[in-house]
Amino acid sequence: MECRLIKKSFSLAGHRTSVALEGPFWQTLTCMAQAQGHSLPALVALVDNARAQQLVPGLGEATPTPPCGTGGLASALRLAALAWAWQHGGAPGGVDNQTTGPSGR
């Protein structure tokens, strides 16, 4: 599993911004975007907008963020990817949600 940071640039609300995430998060976000019929930049914009409202976009609906979800865009993207992966039975790389899911087991 590739753990180095990969930086991608986006235009959000008319401003250019860069986000650095680990490869598996970008893979999950790309799958999430495709499953929801969005491009990756469109999904990033949705997460950014939801972040301002303290929400993380889920599968068609926005769900409240955990208390730790008040950080920057990179944190919001990681939380969105993690929530989506858990809802789909795991994450790229074989993470098992039965042992690492939201319950913290």
C-alpha atoms as a PDB file:
ATOM      1  CA  MET A   1       0.000   0.000   0.000  1.00  0.00           C
ATOM      2  CA  GLU A   2       1.399   3.399  -1.042  1.00  0.00           C
ATOM      3  CA  CYS A   3       1.575   5.651   2.027  1.00  0.00           C
ATOM      4  CA  ARG A   4       3.353   8.712   0.650  1.00  0.00           C
ATOM      5  CA  LEU A   5       1.395  11.914   0.236  1.00  0.00           C
ATOM      6  CA  ILE A   6       0.110  12.725  -3.240  1.00  0.00           C
ATOM      7  CA  LYS A   7      -0.772  16.359  -3.878  1.00  0.00           C
ATOM      8  CA  LYS A   8      -3.653  17.307  -6.192  1.00  0.00           C
ATOM      9  CA  SER A   9      -4.866  20.794  -7.061  1.00  0.00           C
ATOM     10  CA  PHE A  10      -8.479  21.909  -7.381  1.00  0.00           C
ATOM     11  CA  SER A  11     -10.454  25.079  -7.940  1.00  0.00           C
ATOM     12  CA  LEU A  12     -12.919  25.557  -5.086  1.00  0.00           C
ATOM     13  CA  ALA A  13     -15.251  28.565  -4.985  1.00  0.00           C
ATOM     14  CA  GLY A  14     -13.061  30.287  -7.554  1.00  0.00           C
ATOM     15  CA  HIS A  15      -9.809  29.733  -5.655  1.00  0.00           C
ATOM     16  CA  ARG A  16      -7.036  27.247  -6.421  1.00  0.00           C
ATOM     17  CA  THR A  17      -6.131  24.950  -3.563  1.00  0.00           C
ATOM     18  CA  SER A  18      -3.943  21.882  -3.172  1.00  0.00           C
ATOM     19  CA  VAL A  19      -4.664  18.851  -1.041  1.00  0.00           C
ATOM     20  CA  ALA A  20      -2.130  16.198  -0.041  1.00  0.00           C
ATOM     21  CA  LEU A  21      -3.500  12.745   0.833  1.00  0.00           C
ATOM     22  CA  GLU A  22      -2.137   9.218   0.884  1.00  0.00           C
ATOM     23  CA  GLY A  23      -2.726   7.117  -2.235  1.00  0.00           C
ATOM     24  CA  PRO A  24      -5.400   4.827  -0.736  1.00  0.00           C
ATOM     25  CA  PHE A  25      -7.510   7.861   0.178  1.00  0.00           C
ATOM     26  CA  TRP A  26      -7.317   9.189  -3.395  1.00  0.00           C
ATOM     27  CA  GLN A  27      -8.257   5.715  -4.684  1.00  0.00           C
ATOM     28  CA  THR A  28     -11.268   5.556  -2.378  1.00  0.00           C
ATOM     29  CA  LEU A  29     -12.367   9.097  -3.230  1.00  0.00           C
ATOM     30  CA  THR A  30     -12.105   8.294  -6.950  1.00  0.00           C
ATOM     31  CA  CYS A  31     -14.289   5.185  -6.472  1.00  0.00           C
ATOM     32  CA  MET A  32     -16.723   7.230  -4.368  1.00  0.00           C
ATOM     33  CA  ALA A  33     -16.946   9.943  -7.034  1.00  0.00           C
ATOM     34  CA  GLN A  34     -17.553   7.398  -9.818  1.00  0.00           C
ATOM     35  CA  ALA A  35     -20.200   5.563  -7.783  1.00  0.00           C
ATOM     36  CA  GLN A  36     -22.032   8.843  -7.184  1.00  0.00           C
ATOM     37  CA  GLY A  37     -21.716  10.014 -10.791  1.00  0.00           C
ATOM     38  CA  HIS A  38     -19.284  12.845 -10.033  1.00  0.00           C
ATOM     39  CA  SER A  39     -15.817  13.761 -11.175  1.00  0.00           C
ATOM     40  CA  LEU A  40     -13.146  13.836  -8.474  1.00  0.00           C
ATOM     41  CA  PRO A  41     -13.035  17.671  -8.511  1.00  0.00           C
ATOM     42  CA  ALA A  42     -16.830  17.800  -8.146  1.00  0.00           C
ATOM     43  CA  LEU A  43     -16.697  15.416  -5.179  1.00  0.00           C
ATOM     44  CA  VAL A  44     -13.939  17.487  -3.536  1.00  0.00           C
ATOM     45  CA  ALA A  45     -16.130  20.586  -3.969  1.00  0.00           C
ATOM     46  CA  LEU A  46     -19.098  18.759  -2.391  1.00  0.00           C
ATOM     47  CA  VAL A  47     -16.976  17.701   0.586  1.00  0.00           C
ATOM     48  CA  ASP A  48     -15.633  21.248   0.925  1.00  0.00           C
ATOM     49  CA  ASN A  49     -19.157  22.688   0.927  1.00  0.00           C
ATOM     50  CA  ALA A  50     -20.374  20.049   3.381  1.00  0.00           C
ATOM     51  CA  ARG A  51     -17.376  20.740   5.623  1.00  0.00           C
ATOM     52  CA  ALA A  52     -18.536  24.333   6.042  1.00  0.00           C
ATOM     53  CA  GLN A  53     -21.868  22.940   7.299  1.00  0.00           C
ATOM     54  CA  GLN A  54     -20.192  20.310   9.547  1.00  0.00           C
ATOM     55  CA  LEU A  55     -21.439  17.483   7.294  1.00  0.00           C
ATOM     56  CA  VAL A  56     -19.731  14.636   5.449  1.00  0.00           C
ATOM     57  CA  PRO A  57     -21.417  13.536   2.226  1.00  0.00           C
ATOM     58  CA  GLY A  58     -22.457   9.896   2.363  1.00  0.00           C
ATOM     59  CA  LEU A  59     -24.372   7.840  -0.142  1.00  0.00           C
ATOM     60  CA  GLY A  60     -26.826  10.372  -1.442  1.00  0.00           C
ATOM     61  CA  GLU A  61     -27.324  11.994   1.957  1.00  0.00           C
ATOM     62  CA  ALA A  62     -25.154  14.117   4.204  1.00  0.00           C
ATOM     63  CA  THR A  63     -24.417  12.756   7.645  1.00  0.00           C
ATOM     64  CA  PRO A  64     -23.068  14.618  10.682  1.00  0.00           C
ATOM     65  CA  THR A  65     -19.332  14.484  11.119  1.00  0.00           C
ATOM     66  CA  PRO A  66     -17.729  12.973  14.172  1.00  0.00           C
ATOM     67  CA  PRO A  67     -16.419  15.536  16.688  1.00  0.00           C
ATOM     68  CA  CYS A  68     -12.981  15.298  15.067  1.00  0.00           C
ATOM     69  CA  GLY A  69     -14.432  16.420  11.724  1.00  0.00           C
ATOM     70  CA  THR A  70     -13.936  20.142  12.244  1.00  0.00           C
ATOM     71  CA  GLY A  71     -10.499  20.299  10.631  1.00  0.00           C
ATOM     72  CA  GLY A  72      -9.331  21.245   7.178  1.00  0.00           C
ATOM     73  CA  LEU A  73     -10.229  19.935   3.761  1.00  0.00           C
ATOM     74  CA  ALA A  74      -7.713  17.058   3.880  1.00  0.00           C
ATOM     75  CA  SER A  75      -9.269  15.783   7.112  1.00  0.00           C
ATOM     76  CA  ALA A  76     -12.787  16.124   5.695  1.00  0.00           C
ATOM     77  CA  LEU A  77     -11.763  14.168   2.577  1.00  0.00           C
ATOM     78  CA  ARG A  78     -10.200  11.404   4.691  1.00  0.00           C
ATOM     79  CA  LEU A  79     -13.362  11.155   6.821  1.00  0.00           C
ATOM     80  CA  ALA A  80     -15.598  11.063   3.730  1.00  0.00           C
ATOM     81  CA  ALA A  81     -13.438   8.333   2.156  1.00  0.00           C
ATOM     82  CA  LEU A  82     -13.392   6.330   5.368  1.00  0.00           C
ATOM     83  CA  ALA A  83     -17.170   6.597   5.863  1.00  0.00           C
ATOM     84  CA  TRP A  84     -17.799   5.577   2.253  1.00  0.00           C
ATOM     85  CA  ALA A  85     -15.386   2.631   2.479  1.00  0.00           C
ATOM     86  CA  TRP A  86     -17.025   1.377   5.675  1.00  0.00           C
ATOM     87  CA  GLN A  87     -20.438   1.599   4.046  1.00  0.00           C
ATOM     88  CA  HIS A  88     -19.112  -0.574   1.220  1.00  0.00           C
ATOM     89  CA  GLY A  89     -17.608  -3.307   3.354  1.00  0.00           C
ATOM     90  CA  GLY A  90     -13.994  -2.229   3.534  1.00  0.00           C
ATOM     91  CA  ALA A  91     -11.410  -0.124   1.785  1.00  0.00           C
ATOM     92  CA  PRO A  92      -8.848  -0.581  -0.974  1.00  0.00           C
ATOM     93  CA  GLY A  93      -5.982  -2.656   0.321  1.00  0.00           C
ATOM     94  CA  GLY A  94      -8.156  -5.172   2.164  1.00  0.00           C
ATOM     95  CA  VAL A  95      -9.057  -3.246   5.336  1.00  0.00           C
ATOM     96  CA  ASP A  96     -11.742  -5.281   7.086  1.00  0.00           C
ATOM     97  CA  ASN A  97     -14.564  -3.192   8.571  1.00  0.00           C
ATOM     98  CA  GLN A  98     -15.382  -5.991  11.004  1.00  0.00           C
ATOM     99  CA  THR A  99     -12.195  -5.223  12.927  1.00  0.00           C
ATOM    100  CA  THR A 100     -11.557  -1.585  12.072  1.00  0.00           C
ATOM    101  CA  GLY A 101     -15.032  -0.143  11.539  1.00  0.00           C
ATOM    102  CA  PRO A 102     -16.768   2.745  13.248  1.00  0.00           C
ATOM    103  CA  SER A 103     -17.243   0.811  16.482  1.00  0.00           C
ATOM    104  CA  GLY A 104     -13.475   0.887  16.975  1.00  0.00           C
ATOM    105  CA  ARG A 105     -13.197  -2.857  17.422  1.00  0.00           C
END
